[in-house]
Amino acid sequence: MKLLKSFVCVCFMVLLCSGAVFALGQSDKSASEEGTYKIGVIQLVEHVALDASYKGFVDGLAEEGFIDGENISIDYQNAQGEQANCVTIAQKLVNDKADLILAIATPAAQAVAAQTRTIPILITAVTDPASAKLVASNEAPGGNVTGTSDLTPVEEQMKLIKQIVPSAKKIGFLYCSSEQNSKFQIDIAKDICDELGLEYADYTVSNSNEIQQVVQSMVGKVDAIYTPTDNMIAAGMATVAMVAVPAKIPVFAGEEGMTSIGGVATYGINYYELGKQTAKQAVAILRDGKNPAEMPIEYLATCDLFVNEEMAKSISLELPEEIKAQLK
């Protein structure tokens, strides 16, 4: 895996109007009364990107002087990809009267946002909080939820497919049908494909057990596979590669971690840095008394181009000369 270059991402902002502003308040008790802030964390599932977001969050807090076990207490919970677990964990963190809750990925964020309108909630690895109905708008959240978006440069990703596989005529979109963030990215991808003259077809899964069968159904029907920053597919990228590699189908994923497991290349964000950016928001709330309702959703300023040379070689894909030149 080689990092080639960086460029400024185009951030898509969805603006909605709302007059409702929820009153924020401290949880009834607070460990902070004794000098320790209680931070609850709910993560949807284990995979490279989300794990990096959490690590970046913890490291970012430490850089600001908030050390777990010293002046903060972090209760980390992983839902293992199960929505029912998200609800149970969200209820636990709210009942435990956390001073702040971090929710990693859209389903986790939606679960905890449904449980409290008073405890400050930070979200990360959520593509479009507004369309996920987590905030009134991305510019003015208006409630107790704010955080960072992992919106990737979908247009650049589609152009990258054309650049690396110029003969491609039809793209297979692989994603989980129940993930709002994936649908948001796929809608953008379809518009770009229309502009580029690329055909496309949806191939969706509803659970991880369907991934192998769905990818097998794409063999002979598509020239390349595109999967956005989809949590279910990210956790199952090894399965995607197990089918795509023997079939010589290039896979283009929404982020670096997915690309390193089974993709050829991507323009993506650095989830570790996204976590650190979210940590700065946490400090602004806990230490500086900022109100989440007035804190816009934030985006990373840059995205990076990653190429998995070994994967390209394994499917006998010749990289364009302009990309080879940047690998030297």
Protein backbone atom coordinates (compact mmCIF):
# COMPACT_ATOMS: atom_id res chain seq x y z
CA MET A 1 0.00 0.00 0.00
CA LYS A 2 1.47 3.33 -1.01
CA LEU A 3 0.33 6.82 -0.25
CA LEU A 4 0.56 8.82 -3.45
CA LYS A 5 -0.81 12.29 -2.96
CA SER A 6 -3.35 14.45 -1.17
CA PHE A 7 -5.95 16.84 -2.45
CA VAL A 8 -8.72 18.98 -1.02
CA CYS A 9 -11.97 17.05 -0.65
CA VAL A 10 -15.23 18.50 -1.84
CA CYS A 11 -17.56 18.44 1.13
CA PHE A 12 -21.23 17.91 0.41
CA MET A 13 -23.39 19.83 2.90
CA VAL A 14 -27.06 18.97 3.18
CA LEU A 15 -28.98 21.97 4.54
CA LEU A 16 -32.31 21.43 6.28
CA CYS A 17 -34.43 23.97 8.10
CA SER A 18 -35.62 23.34 11.63
CA GLY A 19 -36.85 25.54 14.42
CA ALA A 20 -36.47 22.93 17.09
CA VAL A 21 -33.60 23.42 19.50
CA PHE A 22 -33.21 20.89 22.29
CA ALA A 23 -32.07 22.12 25.66
CA LEU A 24 -28.78 20.60 26.67
CA GLY A 25 -28.04 19.74 30.23
CA GLN A 26 -25.58 17.83 32.28
CA SER A 27 -26.47 14.31 33.25
CA ASP A 28 -27.94 14.01 36.76
CA LYS A 29 -24.73 13.00 38.53
CA SER A 30 -21.50 13.37 37.18
CA ALA A 31 -18.23 11.69 37.67
CA SER A 32 -16.92 15.12 36.64
CA GLU A 33 -17.94 16.36 40.08
CA GLU A 34 -15.04 14.31 41.35
CA GLY A 35 -12.70 15.55 38.63
CA THR A 36 -13.22 12.67 36.20
CA TYR A 37 -15.37 12.82 33.09
CA LYS A 38 -17.31 9.72 32.13
CA ILE A 39 -17.20 9.04 28.37
CA GLY A 40 -19.26 6.27 26.84
CA VAL A 41 -18.34 4.84 23.45
CA ILE A 42 -20.56 2.77 21.19
CA GLN A 43 -18.96 1.32 18.04
CA LEU A 44 -21.04 -0.55 15.48
CA VAL A 45 -18.57 -3.25 14.46
CA GLU A 46 -14.87 -4.06 14.40
CA HIS A 47 -13.07 -3.19 11.18
CA VAL A 48 -9.99 -1.19 10.24
CA ALA A 49 -11.64 2.19 9.64
CA LEU A 50 -13.86 2.28 12.72
CA ASP A 51 -11.09 0.92 14.94
CA ALA A 52 -8.82 3.70 13.65
CA SER A 53 -11.49 6.29 14.43
CA TYR A 54 -11.68 5.12 18.03
CA LYS A 55 -7.90 5.03 18.44
CA GLY A 56 -7.61 8.52 16.99
CA PHE A 57 -10.28 9.73 19.40
CA VAL A 58 -8.48 8.32 22.45
CA ASP A 59 -5.08 9.58 21.29
CA GLY A 60 -6.55 12.99 20.46
CA LEU A 61 -8.01 13.28 23.95
CA ALA A 62 -4.65 12.31 25.46
CA GLU A 63 -2.90 15.04 23.46
CA GLU A 64 -5.27 17.53 25.08
CA GLY A 65 -4.54 16.18 28.56
CA PHE A 66 -7.58 13.90 28.90
CA ILE A 67 -6.12 10.53 29.92
CA ASP A 68 -8.23 7.42 30.39
CA GLY A 69 -7.89 6.20 33.96
CA GLU A 70 -6.73 9.61 35.19
CA ASN A 71 -9.14 12.46 34.51
CA ILE A 72 -11.51 10.59 32.19
CA SER A 73 -13.09 7.15 32.34
CA ILE A 74 -13.89 5.57 28.96
CA ASP A 75 -16.52 2.84 28.74
CA TYR A 76 -15.95 1.30 25.29
CA GLN A 77 -18.68 -0.99 23.91
CA ASN A 78 -18.78 -2.78 20.54
CA ALA A 79 -22.11 -3.89 19.08
CA GLN A 80 -20.51 -6.53 16.82
CA GLY A 81 -22.61 -5.37 13.90
CA GLU A 82 -25.96 -6.09 15.58
CA GLN A 83 -28.62 -3.37 15.71
CA ALA A 84 -30.21 -4.94 18.80
CA ASN A 85 -26.85 -4.67 20.56
CA CYS A 86 -26.65 -0.99 19.59
CA VAL A 87 -29.93 -0.30 21.38
CA THR A 88 -28.89 -2.22 24.49
CA ILE A 89 -25.51 -0.48 24.67
CA ALA A 90 -27.07 2.94 24.08
CA GLN A 91 -29.49 2.39 26.95
CA LYS A 92 -26.63 1.30 29.21
CA LEU A 93 -24.51 4.37 28.47
CA VAL A 94 -27.43 6.70 29.05
CA ASN A 95 -28.45 4.94 32.29
CA ASP A 96 -24.84 5.16 33.46
CA LYS A 97 -25.16 8.96 33.10
CA ALA A 98 -22.15 9.51 30.87
CA ASP A 99 -20.93 13.10 30.55
CA LEU A 100 -20.47 12.56 26.83
CA ILE A 101 -21.11 9.68 24.40
CA LEU A 102 -19.14 8.93 21.24
CA ALA A 103 -21.05 6.95 18.59
CA ILE A 104 -19.00 5.39 15.78
CA ALA A 105 -20.97 4.70 12.55
CA THR A 106 -24.52 5.62 11.60
CA PRO A 107 -26.57 2.78 13.19
CA ALA A 108 -24.73 3.26 16.49
CA ALA A 109 -25.35 7.01 16.33
CA GLN A 110 -29.04 6.57 15.57
CA ALA A 111 -29.44 4.12 18.46
CA VAL A 112 -27.93 6.42 21.08
CA ALA A 113 -29.56 9.58 19.72
CA ALA A 114 -32.94 7.91 20.25
CA GLN A 115 -32.16 7.41 23.95
CA THR A 116 -31.25 10.91 25.13
CA ARG A 117 -31.69 14.55 24.22
CA THR A 118 -29.62 15.89 27.10
CA ILE A 119 -26.30 14.03 27.14
CA PRO A 120 -23.93 15.49 24.51
CA ILE A 121 -23.38 12.97 21.70
CA LEU A 122 -20.46 13.09 19.28
CA ILE A 123 -20.70 11.02 16.12
CA THR A 124 -17.99 9.96 13.70
CA ALA A 125 -17.76 7.76 10.60
CA VAL A 126 -21.24 9.00 9.65
CA THR A 127 -21.42 10.13 6.03
CA ASP A 128 -24.35 12.55 6.13
CA PRO A 129 -25.76 13.19 9.62
CA ALA A 130 -28.60 15.32 8.24
CA SER A 131 -30.01 12.65 5.92
CA ALA A 132 -29.59 10.13 8.76
CA LYS A 133 -31.88 12.44 10.79
CA LEU A 134 -29.28 12.86 13.51
CA VAL A 135 -29.13 16.66 13.20
CA ALA A 136 -31.42 19.40 11.91
CA SER A 137 -28.71 20.37 9.45
CA ASN A 138 -25.00 19.72 9.09
CA GLU A 139 -24.25 23.44 9.50
CA ALA A 140 -26.48 23.95 12.55
CA PRO A 141 -27.18 20.63 14.32
CA GLY A 142 -29.73 22.19 16.68
CA GLY A 143 -29.76 19.46 19.34
CA ASN A 144 -27.41 17.42 21.49
CA VAL A 145 -25.66 15.71 18.54
CA THR A 146 -22.68 16.87 16.49
CA GLY A 147 -19.41 15.34 15.28
CA THR A 148 -17.47 14.49 12.13
CA SER A 149 -18.43 13.11 8.74
CA ASP A 150 -16.50 10.52 6.74
CA LEU A 151 -17.85 11.72 3.40
CA THR A 152 -15.36 10.65 0.74
CA PRO A 153 -14.70 12.18 -2.71
CA VAL A 154 -17.05 9.85 -4.62
CA GLU A 155 -16.57 11.73 -7.88
CA GLU A 156 -12.82 11.25 -7.73
CA GLN A 157 -13.31 7.57 -6.89
CA MET A 158 -15.48 7.05 -9.99
CA LYS A 159 -12.94 8.82 -12.17
CA LEU A 160 -10.23 6.65 -10.65
CA ILE A 161 -12.05 3.54 -11.88
CA LYS A 162 -12.09 4.99 -15.40
CA GLN A 163 -8.42 5.87 -15.13
CA ILE A 164 -7.24 2.46 -13.91
CA VAL A 165 -9.72 0.34 -15.90
CA PRO A 166 -10.38 2.42 -19.04
CA SER A 167 -12.13 -0.51 -20.73
CA ALA A 168 -14.74 -0.74 -17.94
CA LYS A 169 -18.28 -0.25 -19.15
CA LYS A 170 -20.38 -1.53 -16.25
CA ILE A 171 -19.82 -1.04 -12.51
CA GLY A 172 -21.38 -3.21 -9.82
CA PHE A 173 -22.33 -1.28 -6.69
CA LEU A 174 -21.91 -3.51 -3.64
CA TYR A 175 -23.39 -2.30 -0.34
CA CYS A 176 -25.71 -3.08 2.56
CA SER A 177 -29.30 -2.13 1.79
CA SER A 178 -29.96 -0.95 5.35
CA GLU A 179 -27.00 1.45 5.70
CA GLN A 180 -28.11 5.04 5.07
CA ASN A 181 -24.53 6.25 4.62
CA SER A 182 -24.01 3.75 1.81
CA LYS A 183 -27.18 4.74 -0.03
CA PHE A 184 -26.11 8.38 0.18
CA GLN A 185 -22.75 7.63 -1.46
CA ILE A 186 -24.23 5.31 -4.07
CA ASP A 187 -26.69 7.99 -5.18
CA ILE A 188 -23.75 10.33 -5.75
CA ALA A 189 -21.85 7.58 -7.58
CA LYS A 190 -24.78 6.95 -9.93
CA ASP A 191 -24.93 10.61 -10.90
CA ILE A 192 -21.21 10.63 -11.65
CA CYS A 193 -21.44 7.39 -13.64
CA ASP A 194 -24.19 8.97 -15.75
CA GLU A 195 -21.85 11.86 -16.50
CA LEU A 196 -18.98 9.50 -17.33
CA GLY A 197 -21.10 7.25 -19.53
CA LEU A 198 -20.71 4.24 -17.25
CA GLU A 199 -23.44 1.65 -16.79
CA TYR A 200 -24.11 0.33 -13.29
CA ALA A 201 -26.20 -2.10 -11.29
CA ASP A 202 -26.97 -2.47 -7.58
CA TYR A 203 -25.89 -5.60 -5.71
CA THR A 204 -27.07 -5.33 -2.11
CA VAL A 205 -26.79 -7.50 0.98
CA SER A 206 -28.85 -7.47 4.15
CA ASN A 207 -26.43 -9.51 6.28
CA SER A 208 -22.80 -10.62 6.10
CA ASN A 209 -23.73 -14.18 5.16
CA GLU A 210 -24.96 -12.93 1.79
CA ILE A 211 -21.71 -11.27 0.71
CA GLN A 212 -20.09 -14.28 -0.96
CA GLN A 213 -23.20 -15.23 -2.93
CA VAL A 214 -23.88 -11.66 -4.06
CA VAL A 215 -20.30 -11.12 -5.24
CA GLN A 216 -20.43 -14.44 -7.09
CA SER A 217 -23.55 -13.22 -8.87
CA MET A 218 -21.52 -10.28 -10.26
CA VAL A 219 -18.96 -12.48 -12.03
CA GLY A 220 -19.28 -12.08 -15.78
CA LYS A 221 -21.75 -9.20 -15.42
CA VAL A 222 -19.60 -6.26 -14.31
CA ASP A 223 -16.17 -4.94 -15.23
CA ALA A 224 -15.40 -3.52 -11.78
CA ILE A 225 -16.91 -3.44 -8.31
CA TYR A 226 -17.38 -0.29 -6.26
CA THR A 227 -18.24 -0.43 -2.58
CA PRO A 228 -18.58 2.77 -0.51
CA THR A 229 -17.61 3.17 3.16
CA ASP A 230 -20.12 0.48 4.06
CA ASN A 231 -19.60 -1.08 7.50
CA MET A 232 -20.93 -4.52 6.64
CA ILE A 233 -18.86 -4.80 3.46
CA ALA A 234 -15.80 -3.37 5.22
CA ALA A 235 -16.02 -6.13 7.82
CA GLY A 236 -16.40 -8.69 5.01
CA MET A 237 -13.77 -7.44 2.53
CA ALA A 238 -11.81 -10.68 2.83
CA THR A 239 -14.88 -12.51 1.54
CA VAL A 240 -15.25 -10.03 -1.32
CA ALA A 241 -11.62 -10.61 -2.31
CA MET A 242 -12.04 -14.38 -2.06
CA VAL A 243 -14.47 -14.21 -4.98
CA ALA A 244 -13.20 -11.17 -6.89
CA VAL A 245 -9.53 -12.16 -7.13
CA PRO A 246 -10.01 -15.53 -8.91
CA ALA A 247 -12.56 -13.84 -11.19
CA LYS A 248 -10.04 -11.04 -11.95
CA ILE A 249 -12.58 -8.34 -11.04
CA PRO A 250 -10.99 -5.12 -9.73
CA VAL A 251 -12.60 -3.81 -6.54
CA PHE A 252 -12.59 -0.11 -5.69
CA ALA A 253 -13.52 0.65 -2.07
CA GLY A 254 -14.42 3.83 -0.24
CA GLU A 255 -11.48 3.89 2.15
CA GLU A 256 -7.90 2.76 2.72
CA GLY A 257 -8.55 -0.06 5.18
CA MET A 258 -10.95 -1.78 2.80
CA THR A 259 -8.52 -1.27 -0.08
CA SER A 260 -5.67 -2.85 1.85
CA ILE A 261 -7.70 -6.03 2.35
CA GLY A 262 -9.26 -6.54 -1.05
CA GLY A 263 -9.29 -3.39 -3.17
CA VAL A 264 -7.13 -2.01 -5.95
CA ALA A 265 -7.18 1.72 -5.24
CA THR A 266 -9.17 4.53 -3.68
CA TYR A 267 -9.28 8.15 -2.77
CA GLY A 268 -10.17 8.10 0.90
CA ILE A 269 -9.95 9.82 4.25
CA ASN A 270 -7.71 8.98 7.17
CA TYR A 271 -10.03 7.62 9.87
CA TYR A 272 -7.40 7.97 12.59
CA GLU A 273 -7.18 11.70 11.87
CA LEU A 274 -10.98 11.87 11.76
CA GLY A 275 -11.05 10.41 15.28
CA LYS A 276 -8.54 12.98 16.47
CA GLN A 277 -10.64 15.76 15.00
CA THR A 278 -13.65 14.40 16.89
CA ALA A 279 -11.59 14.43 20.09
CA LYS A 280 -11.08 18.18 19.69
CA GLN A 281 -14.84 18.59 19.62
CA ALA A 282 -15.10 16.52 22.81
CA VAL A 283 -12.60 18.81 24.53
CA ALA A 284 -14.56 21.86 23.36
CA ILE A 285 -17.69 20.44 24.99
CA LEU A 286 -16.19 19.05 28.20
CA ARG A 287 -13.57 21.68 28.97
CA ASP A 288 -14.82 24.78 27.18
CA GLY A 289 -18.56 24.33 27.66
CA LYS A 290 -19.43 24.47 23.95
CA ASN A 291 -23.00 23.58 22.96
CA PRO A 292 -23.29 20.73 20.38
CA ALA A 293 -26.37 22.46 18.94
CA GLU A 294 -24.12 25.28 17.72
CA MET A 295 -21.17 23.13 16.55
CA PRO A 296 -21.31 22.32 12.82
CA ILE A 297 -20.54 18.84 11.54
CA GLU A 298 -16.85 18.82 10.58
CA TYR A 299 -15.00 17.23 7.65
CA LEU A 300 -11.36 16.37 7.05
CA ALA A 301 -9.69 18.92 4.81
CA THR A 302 -7.73 16.41 2.72
CA CYS A 303 -8.14 12.97 1.22
CA ASP A 304 -5.43 10.59 0.02
CA LEU A 305 -4.89 8.31 -2.94
CA PHE A 306 -4.01 4.74 -2.01
CA VAL A 307 -2.99 1.95 -4.39
CA ASN A 308 -2.75 -1.73 -3.48
CA GLU A 309 -0.07 -2.88 -5.91
CA GLU A 310 -0.17 -6.48 -4.73
CA MET A 311 -3.89 -6.73 -5.39
CA ALA A 312 -3.50 -5.22 -8.86
CA LYS A 313 -0.81 -7.76 -9.62
CA SER A 314 -2.90 -10.66 -8.30
CA ILE A 315 -5.67 -9.92 -10.80
CA SER A 316 -3.23 -9.18 -13.64
CA LEU A 317 -4.25 -5.52 -13.77
CA GLU A 318 -1.71 -3.25 -15.41
CA LEU A 319 -1.59 0.12 -13.67
CA PRO A 320 -1.54 3.25 -15.89
CA GLU A 321 1.84 4.84 -16.49
CA GLU A 322 0.85 8.04 -14.68
CA ILE A 323 0.17 6.07 -11.52
CA LYS A 324 3.27 3.91 -11.89
CA ALA A 325 5.33 7.09 -12.12
CA GLN A 326 4.04 8.22 -8.75
CA LEU A 327 4.90 4.88 -7.17
CA LYS A 328 8.61 5.24 -7.94
